[in-house]
Each structure stands twice: as C-alpha cells, then as structure tokens.
N, C-alpha and C. Protein backbone atom coordinates (compact mmCIF):
# COMPACT_ATOMS: atom_id res chain seq x y z
N MET A 1 2.80 -34.94 -55.33
CA MET A 1 4.01 -34.21 -55.05
C MET A 1 4.64 -35.04 -53.95
N SER A 2 6.06 -35.23 -54.05
CA SER A 2 6.68 -35.92 -52.83
C SER A 2 7.01 -34.82 -51.84
N GLN A 3 6.99 -35.40 -50.67
CA GLN A 3 7.28 -34.72 -49.35
C GLN A 3 8.76 -34.11 -49.60
N LYS A 4 8.82 -32.84 -48.91
CA LYS A 4 10.26 -31.85 -49.05
C LYS A 4 11.15 -32.73 -48.02
N LYS A 5 12.31 -32.87 -48.23
CA LYS A 5 13.25 -33.56 -47.26
C LYS A 5 14.03 -32.46 -46.54
N ILE A 6 14.23 -32.60 -45.22
CA ILE A 6 14.78 -31.74 -44.34
C ILE A 6 15.65 -32.58 -43.68
N LEU A 7 17.13 -32.01 -43.41
CA LEU A 7 18.25 -32.82 -42.95
C LEU A 7 18.34 -31.76 -41.57
N ILE A 8 18.30 -32.70 -40.57
CA ILE A 8 18.60 -31.90 -38.96
C ILE A 8 19.89 -32.43 -38.62
N VAL A 9 20.80 -31.44 -38.30
CA VAL A 9 22.03 -31.79 -37.91
C VAL A 9 22.49 -31.10 -36.56
N ASP A 10 22.45 -31.88 -35.56
CA ASP A 10 22.67 -31.36 -34.12
C ASP A 10 23.13 -32.51 -33.17
N ASP A 11 24.20 -32.20 -32.39
CA ASP A 11 24.63 -33.14 -31.39
C ASP A 11 23.89 -33.70 -30.27
N SER A 12 22.77 -32.52 -30.01
CA SER A 12 21.82 -32.83 -28.95
C SER A 12 20.55 -33.89 -29.46
N ALA A 13 20.61 -35.07 -29.03
CA ALA A 13 19.29 -35.98 -29.46
C ALA A 13 18.21 -35.40 -29.22
N GLU A 14 17.93 -34.71 -27.92
CA GLU A 14 16.82 -34.22 -27.54
C GLU A 14 16.29 -32.99 -28.63
N LEU A 15 17.25 -32.12 -28.87
CA LEU A 15 16.76 -30.93 -29.91
C LEU A 15 16.43 -31.75 -31.03
N ARG A 16 17.04 -32.81 -31.71
CA ARG A 16 16.97 -33.29 -32.90
C ARG A 16 15.49 -33.87 -32.77
N ASN A 17 15.22 -34.40 -31.60
CA ASN A 17 13.88 -35.17 -31.81
C ASN A 17 12.68 -34.21 -31.63
N VAL A 18 12.94 -33.04 -30.92
CA VAL A 18 11.93 -31.95 -31.01
C VAL A 18 11.69 -31.47 -32.31
N LEU A 19 12.81 -31.02 -33.01
CA LEU A 19 12.70 -30.40 -34.13
C LEU A 19 11.92 -31.43 -35.28
N SER A 20 12.46 -32.65 -35.12
CA SER A 20 12.07 -33.82 -35.96
C SER A 20 10.48 -33.88 -35.97
N LEU A 21 10.00 -33.88 -34.78
CA LEU A 21 8.68 -33.99 -34.45
C LEU A 21 7.84 -32.92 -35.18
N TYR A 22 8.24 -31.56 -34.93
CA TYR A 22 7.57 -30.40 -35.67
C TYR A 22 7.78 -30.56 -37.02
N MET A 23 8.91 -30.98 -37.65
CA MET A 23 8.86 -30.98 -39.04
C MET A 23 7.82 -31.94 -39.72
N ARG A 24 7.89 -33.21 -38.94
CA ARG A 24 7.09 -34.43 -39.55
C ARG A 24 5.73 -34.11 -39.25
N ASN A 25 5.25 -33.28 -38.29
CA ASN A 25 4.04 -32.93 -38.17
C ASN A 25 3.34 -31.90 -39.13
N GLY A 26 4.49 -31.22 -39.67
CA GLY A 26 4.25 -30.09 -40.83
C GLY A 26 4.40 -30.85 -42.30
N GLY A 27 4.55 -32.12 -42.18
CA GLY A 27 4.29 -32.72 -43.55
C GLY A 27 5.58 -32.99 -44.13
N TYR A 28 6.55 -32.74 -43.51
CA TYR A 28 8.04 -32.98 -44.26
C TYR A 28 8.80 -34.38 -43.80
N SER A 29 9.46 -34.89 -44.61
CA SER A 29 10.15 -35.98 -44.57
C SER A 29 11.56 -35.55 -43.68
N VAL A 30 11.89 -36.29 -42.68
CA VAL A 30 13.32 -35.63 -41.97
C VAL A 30 14.23 -36.85 -41.81
N ILE A 31 15.51 -36.37 -41.94
CA ILE A 31 16.61 -37.04 -41.78
C ILE A 31 17.48 -36.42 -40.75
N GLU A 32 18.04 -37.25 -39.83
CA GLU A 32 18.79 -36.66 -38.87
C GLU A 32 20.25 -37.16 -38.83
N ALA A 33 21.14 -36.15 -38.25
CA ALA A 33 22.70 -36.72 -38.07
C ALA A 33 23.16 -35.73 -36.59
N LYS A 34 23.97 -36.50 -36.09
CA LYS A 34 24.60 -35.95 -35.02
C LYS A 34 25.58 -35.30 -34.97
N ASP A 35 26.38 -35.14 -36.04
CA ASP A 35 27.31 -34.15 -36.33
C ASP A 35 27.61 -34.08 -38.05
N GLY A 36 28.61 -33.09 -38.29
CA GLY A 36 28.76 -32.92 -39.79
C GLY A 36 29.32 -34.23 -40.51
N ILE A 37 30.13 -35.09 -40.01
CA ILE A 37 30.61 -36.20 -40.64
C ILE A 37 29.53 -37.06 -40.96
N GLU A 38 28.50 -37.60 -40.10
CA GLU A 38 27.33 -38.21 -40.15
C GLU A 38 26.50 -37.62 -41.08
N ALA A 39 26.38 -36.25 -41.10
CA ALA A 39 25.58 -35.36 -42.22
C ALA A 39 26.22 -35.67 -43.65
N LEU A 40 27.36 -35.61 -43.92
CA LEU A 40 27.87 -35.94 -45.23
C LEU A 40 27.51 -37.26 -45.56
N LYS A 41 27.49 -38.30 -44.81
CA LYS A 41 27.39 -39.46 -45.14
C LYS A 41 25.89 -39.54 -45.48
N ARG A 42 25.01 -38.94 -44.76
CA ARG A 42 23.45 -39.01 -45.10
C ARG A 42 23.36 -38.57 -46.51
N LEU A 43 24.07 -37.42 -46.72
CA LEU A 43 23.74 -36.56 -48.06
C LEU A 43 24.42 -37.37 -49.12
N GLU A 44 25.27 -38.36 -49.08
CA GLU A 44 25.62 -39.03 -50.24
C GLU A 44 24.65 -39.88 -50.68
N ASP A 45 23.66 -40.46 -49.77
CA ASP A 45 22.71 -41.47 -50.30
C ASP A 45 21.19 -40.57 -50.61
N THR A 46 20.95 -39.41 -49.72
CA THR A 46 19.64 -38.64 -50.09
C THR A 46 19.97 -37.20 -50.02
N PRO A 47 19.48 -36.60 -51.31
CA PRO A 47 19.67 -35.27 -51.52
C PRO A 47 18.43 -34.62 -50.46
N VAL A 48 18.53 -33.41 -50.12
CA VAL A 48 17.59 -32.79 -49.19
C VAL A 48 17.25 -31.39 -49.49
N ASP A 49 16.09 -30.86 -49.40
CA ASP A 49 15.65 -29.59 -49.77
C ASP A 49 16.19 -28.55 -48.91
N LEU A 50 16.29 -28.87 -47.49
CA LEU A 50 16.72 -27.98 -46.49
C LEU A 50 17.68 -28.71 -45.45
N ALA A 51 18.63 -27.96 -44.85
CA ALA A 51 19.43 -28.61 -43.98
C ALA A 51 19.37 -27.32 -42.72
N ILE A 52 19.26 -27.92 -41.51
CA ILE A 52 19.18 -27.08 -40.30
C ILE A 52 20.29 -27.74 -39.67
N LEU A 53 21.11 -26.70 -39.34
CA LEU A 53 22.44 -27.11 -38.84
C LEU A 53 22.96 -26.44 -37.52
N ASP A 54 23.52 -27.38 -36.66
CA ASP A 54 24.03 -26.47 -35.44
C ASP A 54 25.38 -26.06 -35.86
N VAL A 55 25.70 -24.97 -35.36
CA VAL A 55 27.05 -24.75 -35.80
C VAL A 55 28.43 -25.11 -34.71
N MET A 56 27.91 -25.65 -33.75
CA MET A 56 28.95 -25.92 -32.74
C MET A 56 28.67 -27.43 -32.48
N MET A 57 29.32 -28.16 -33.12
CA MET A 57 29.32 -29.66 -32.97
C MET A 57 30.74 -30.32 -32.86
N PRO A 58 30.72 -31.36 -32.21
CA PRO A 58 32.05 -32.49 -32.44
C PRO A 58 32.42 -32.58 -33.76
N ARG A 59 33.59 -33.24 -33.94
CA ARG A 59 34.17 -33.66 -35.03
C ARG A 59 34.10 -32.70 -36.35
N MET A 60 32.86 -32.33 -36.68
CA MET A 60 32.80 -31.35 -38.00
C MET A 60 31.74 -30.39 -37.50
N ASP A 61 31.92 -29.22 -37.44
CA ASP A 61 30.82 -28.34 -37.07
C ASP A 61 29.94 -27.90 -38.24
N GLY A 62 28.83 -27.19 -37.90
CA GLY A 62 28.02 -26.45 -39.02
C GLY A 62 28.58 -25.73 -40.19
N PHE A 63 29.65 -24.94 -39.73
CA PHE A 63 30.26 -24.23 -40.53
C PHE A 63 31.18 -25.03 -41.54
N GLU A 64 31.84 -25.75 -41.11
CA GLU A 64 32.76 -26.66 -41.82
C GLU A 64 31.94 -27.34 -42.76
N LEU A 65 30.69 -27.91 -42.39
CA LEU A 65 30.00 -28.81 -43.19
C LEU A 65 29.39 -28.16 -44.35
C-alpha cells in the first residue's frame, strides 16, 4: 500500500517544518507550500489525500484555495 500524501500550506516555514516532521514520522508523504498559489501548482502535479491549510496567508489564503 502506498503512503498517503498530505499537503501542508502555511506561510510560516517553522510551522510547516514542525507539521511535516510529525506527519513523516507518522508514515505520511508530505508536500509543502508557502501560500495558496504555490499549493495550486503542487496540486497540478500531485494529488493528495489531505490538505492542512492556513486560512491567513499572503497572495491566496486558505479559504480562497
């Protein structure tokens, strides 16, 4: 069975790093993005099973995404 993929979208690199560490230690594959626009680009190439979104980001927030 393949690893489940999680997309973590947050403008805080520190928070993305912490969340990614926990998710990877839990056996998940993690994709990161710093805002909604970058997340959309990532999603074009890779479908995910779950997205964890910050709702207050520059350029495109989590609600708009």
